[in-house]
Amino acid sequence: QVQLVESGGGLVQAGGSLRLSCAASGRTFSDYFMGWFRQAPGKEREFVARITWSGGSTYYADSVKGRFTISRDNAKNTVYLQMNSLKPEDTAVYYCAADSAYYGSNAGSYAYWGQGTQVTVSS
């Protein structure tokens, strides 16, 4: 199993930046594809970004492309989400997810999840 713990959320003004971190423990981190998802109140959990084992390939939702960057440091067992030019519509609880076999945008296909970190963007 993999345990995931997110951090770095908070309150920021529109146009500002935050960097989320997701620390993994329990198994070999580099064996896992990693993804970031978010869920706003009253809405379904939605895909934000994903990254391959090595970090050599990434993919983003259209809504965050050009503003968010996903990266990972396998030596530190951590995946990051750098969020720039934040908008009020980015307000949500952000979750990281891991899976050893699935590399896609479907939240239901990821086996492991963190507890989430709140990001609030004020206008």
C-alpha atoms as a PDB file:
ATOM      1  CA  GLN A   1       0.000   0.000   0.000  1.00  0.00           C
ATOM      2  CA  VAL A   2       0.891   3.637  -0.421  1.00  0.00           C
ATOM      3  CA  GLN A   3       0.045   6.373   2.062  1.00  0.00           C
ATOM      4  CA  LEU A   4      -0.309   9.891   0.675  1.00  0.00           C
ATOM      5  CA  VAL A   5      -0.307  13.165   2.599  1.00  0.00           C
ATOM      6  CA  GLU A   6      -0.979  16.487   0.890  1.00  0.00           C
ATOM      7  CA  SER A   7       0.149  19.872   2.154  1.00  0.00           C
ATOM      8  CA  GLY A   8       0.573  23.419   0.945  1.00  0.00           C
ATOM      9  CA  GLY A   9      -3.016  24.533   0.559  1.00  0.00           C
ATOM     10  CA  GLY A  10      -4.290  27.843   1.847  1.00  0.00           C
ATOM     11  CA  LEU A  11      -5.948  31.146   1.044  1.00  0.00           C
ATOM     12  CA  VAL A  12      -4.544  33.217  -1.815  1.00  0.00           C
ATOM     13  CA  GLN A  13      -5.723  36.164  -3.862  1.00  0.00           C
ATOM     14  CA  ALA A  14      -6.586  35.785  -7.510  1.00  0.00           C
ATOM     15  CA  GLY A  15      -3.446  35.913  -9.616  1.00  0.00           C
ATOM     16  CA  GLY A  16      -1.344  34.445  -6.834  1.00  0.00           C
ATOM     17  CA  SER A  17       0.530  31.170  -6.579  1.00  0.00           C
ATOM     18  CA  LEU A  18       0.655  28.108  -4.362  1.00  0.00           C
ATOM     19  CA  ARG A  19       2.688  24.937  -4.436  1.00  0.00           C
ATOM     20  CA  LEU A  20       1.060  21.761  -3.220  1.00  0.00           C
ATOM     21  CA  SER A  21       3.090  18.779  -2.076  1.00  0.00           C
ATOM     22  CA  CYS A  22       2.104  15.154  -1.719  1.00  0.00           C
ATOM     23  CA  ALA A  23       4.414  12.972   0.329  1.00  0.00           C
ATOM     24  CA  ALA A  24       4.206   9.222  -0.210  1.00  0.00           C
ATOM     25  CA  SER A  25       5.250   6.364   2.026  1.00  0.00           C
ATOM     26  CA  GLY A  26       4.853   2.637   2.208  1.00  0.00           C
ATOM     27  CA  ARG A  27       5.988   1.343  -1.166  1.00  0.00           C
ATOM     28  CA  THR A  28       8.464   2.272  -3.870  1.00  0.00           C
ATOM     29  CA  PHE A  29       7.262   5.694  -4.968  1.00  0.00           C
ATOM     30  CA  SER A  30       8.812   5.477  -8.407  1.00  0.00           C
ATOM     31  CA  ASP A  31       6.576   2.469  -9.196  1.00  0.00           C
ATOM     32  CA  TYR A  32       3.491   4.687  -9.225  1.00  0.00           C
ATOM     33  CA  PHE A  33       1.804   6.989 -11.666  1.00  0.00           C
ATOM     34  CA  MET A  34       0.642  10.068  -9.796  1.00  0.00           C
ATOM     35  CA  GLY A  35      -2.268  12.405 -10.333  1.00  0.00           C
ATOM     36  CA  TRP A  36      -3.805  15.532  -8.867  1.00  0.00           C
ATOM     37  CA  PHE A  37      -7.561  15.970  -8.662  1.00  0.00           C
ATOM     38  CA  ARG A  38      -9.816  18.584  -7.120  1.00  0.00           C
ATOM     39  CA  GLN A  39     -13.337  18.779  -5.806  1.00  0.00           C
ATOM     40  CA  ALA A  40     -15.318  21.948  -5.315  1.00  0.00           C
ATOM     41  CA  PRO A  41     -18.425  22.042  -3.093  1.00  0.00           C
ATOM     42  CA  GLY A  42     -21.372  20.427  -4.799  1.00  0.00           C
ATOM     43  CA  LYS A  43     -19.294  19.214  -7.723  1.00  0.00           C
ATOM     44  CA  GLU A  44     -17.736  15.936  -8.745  1.00  0.00           C
ATOM     45  CA  ARG A  45     -14.054  15.279  -8.296  1.00  0.00           C
ATOM     46  CA  GLU A  46     -12.234  16.359 -11.435  1.00  0.00           C
ATOM     47  CA  PHE A  47      -8.879  15.593 -12.965  1.00  0.00           C
ATOM     48  CA  VAL A  48      -6.195  18.291 -12.811  1.00  0.00           C
ATOM     49  CA  ALA A  49      -2.846  16.781 -13.831  1.00  0.00           C
ATOM     50  CA  ARG A  50      -0.918  13.526 -13.988  1.00  0.00           C
ATOM     51  CA  ILE A  51       2.695  12.387 -14.286  1.00  0.00           C
ATOM     52  CA  THR A  52       4.437   9.162 -15.212  1.00  0.00           C
ATOM     53  CA  TRP A  53       6.798   7.086 -13.074  1.00  0.00           C
ATOM     54  CA  SER A  54       9.901   8.910 -14.171  1.00  0.00           C
ATOM     55  CA  GLY A  55       8.309  12.306 -14.562  1.00  0.00           C
ATOM     56  CA  GLY A  56       9.100  12.246 -18.247  1.00  0.00           C
ATOM     57  CA  SER A  57       5.516  12.713 -19.345  1.00  0.00           C
ATOM     58  CA  THR A  58       2.760  14.910 -17.967  1.00  0.00           C
ATOM     59  CA  TYR A  59      -0.806  15.753 -18.923  1.00  0.00           C
ATOM     60  CA  TYR A  60      -3.138  18.540 -17.830  1.00  0.00           C
ATOM     61  CA  ALA A  61      -6.785  19.412 -17.824  1.00  0.00           C
ATOM     62  CA  ASP A  62      -7.540  22.199 -20.281  1.00  0.00           C
ATOM     63  CA  SER A  63      -8.713  24.407 -17.417  1.00  0.00           C
ATOM     64  CA  VAL A  64      -5.236  24.501 -15.836  1.00  0.00           C
ATOM     65  CA  LYS A  65      -2.944  24.073 -18.838  1.00  0.00           C
ATOM     66  CA  GLY A  66      -0.294  26.780 -18.922  1.00  0.00           C
ATOM     67  CA  ARG A  67      -0.931  27.759 -15.288  1.00  0.00           C
ATOM     68  CA  PHE A  68      -0.237  24.575 -13.306  1.00  0.00           C
ATOM     69  CA  THR A  69       2.830  22.349 -13.376  1.00  0.00           C
ATOM     70  CA  ILE A  70       3.066  18.842 -11.971  1.00  0.00           C
ATOM     71  CA  SER A  71       6.461  17.420 -11.048  1.00  0.00           C
ATOM     72  CA  ARG A  72       7.922  14.720  -8.860  1.00  0.00           C
ATOM     73  CA  ASP A  73      11.073  14.024  -6.908  1.00  0.00           C
ATOM     74  CA  ASN A  74      11.423  10.266  -6.554  1.00  0.00           C
ATOM     75  CA  ALA A  75      14.351  10.673  -4.155  1.00  0.00           C
ATOM     76  CA  LYS A  76      12.038  12.560  -1.798  1.00  0.00           C
ATOM     77  CA  ASN A  77       8.947  10.426  -2.510  1.00  0.00           C
ATOM     78  CA  THR A  78       7.035  13.587  -3.289  1.00  0.00           C
ATOM     79  CA  VAL A  79       4.886  14.918  -6.103  1.00  0.00           C
ATOM     80  CA  TYR A  80       4.221  18.632  -6.494  1.00  0.00           C
ATOM     81  CA  LEU A  81       1.630  20.852  -8.091  1.00  0.00           C
ATOM     82  CA  GLN A  82       2.817  24.383  -8.777  1.00  0.00           C
ATOM     83  CA  MET A  83      -0.217  26.579  -9.296  1.00  0.00           C
ATOM     84  CA  ASN A  84       0.226  30.015 -10.818  1.00  0.00           C
ATOM     85  CA  SER A  85      -2.226  32.692 -11.958  1.00  0.00           C
ATOM     86  CA  LEU A  86      -4.850  31.261  -9.648  1.00  0.00           C
ATOM     87  CA  LYS A  87      -8.493  32.040 -10.269  1.00  0.00           C
ATOM     88  CA  PRO A  88     -11.497  31.917  -7.919  1.00  0.00           C
ATOM     89  CA  GLU A  89     -12.770  28.926  -9.898  1.00  0.00           C
ATOM     90  CA  ASP A  90      -9.666  26.994  -8.795  1.00  0.00           C
ATOM     91  CA  THR A  91     -11.087  26.949  -5.260  1.00  0.00           C
ATOM     92  CA  ALA A  92     -11.458  23.314  -4.196  1.00  0.00           C
ATOM     93  CA  VAL A  93     -10.056  20.559  -2.067  1.00  0.00           C
ATOM     94  CA  TYR A  94      -7.044  19.164  -3.922  1.00  0.00           C
ATOM     95  CA  TYR A  95      -6.181  15.486  -3.717  1.00  0.00           C
ATOM     96  CA  CYS A  96      -3.223  13.496  -4.911  1.00  0.00           C
ATOM     97  CA  ALA A  97      -3.686   9.958  -6.121  1.00  0.00           C
ATOM     98  CA  ALA A  98      -1.442   7.037  -7.011  1.00  0.00           C
ATOM     99  CA  ASP A  99      -1.732   3.882  -9.035  1.00  0.00           C
ATOM    100  CA  SER A 100       0.823   1.349 -10.175  1.00  0.00           C
ATOM    101  CA  ALA A 101      -0.902   0.506 -13.438  1.00  0.00           C
ATOM    102  CA  TYR A 102      -3.357   3.222 -14.416  1.00  0.00           C
ATOM    103  CA  TYR A 103      -2.227   6.412 -16.096  1.00  0.00           C
ATOM    104  CA  GLY A 104      -5.313   8.375 -16.953  1.00  0.00           C
ATOM    105  CA  SER A 105      -7.873  10.971 -15.915  1.00  0.00           C
ATOM    106  CA  ASN A 106     -10.528   8.788 -14.298  1.00  0.00           C
ATOM    107  CA  ALA A 107     -10.534   9.322 -10.543  1.00  0.00           C
ATOM    108  CA  GLY A 108     -12.224   5.981  -9.936  1.00  0.00           C
ATOM    109  CA  SER A 109      -9.270   4.120 -11.428  1.00  0.00           C
ATOM    110  CA  TYR A 110      -6.665   5.340  -8.948  1.00  0.00           C
ATOM    111  CA  ALA A 111      -6.107   2.977  -6.025  1.00  0.00           C
ATOM    112  CA  TYR A 112      -4.647   5.318  -3.414  1.00  0.00           C
ATOM    113  CA  TRP A 113      -5.665   8.765  -2.246  1.00  0.00           C
ATOM    114  CA  GLY A 114      -4.572  11.392   0.189  1.00  0.00           C
ATOM    115  CA  GLN A 115      -6.889  13.231   2.558  1.00  0.00           C
ATOM    116  CA  GLY A 116      -6.874  16.447   0.551  1.00  0.00           C
ATOM    117  CA  THR A 117      -5.771  20.034   1.121  1.00  0.00           C
ATOM    118  CA  GLN A 118      -8.020  23.075   0.797  1.00  0.00           C
ATOM    119  CA  VAL A 119      -7.177  25.773  -1.730  1.00  0.00           C
ATOM    120  CA  THR A 120      -9.235  28.957  -1.599  1.00  0.00           C
ATOM    121  CA  VAL A 121      -8.743  31.740  -4.131  1.00  0.00           C
ATOM    122  CA  SER A 122     -10.343  35.070  -3.310  1.00  0.00           C
ATOM    123  CA  SER A 123     -11.369  37.572  -5.968  1.00  0.00           C
END
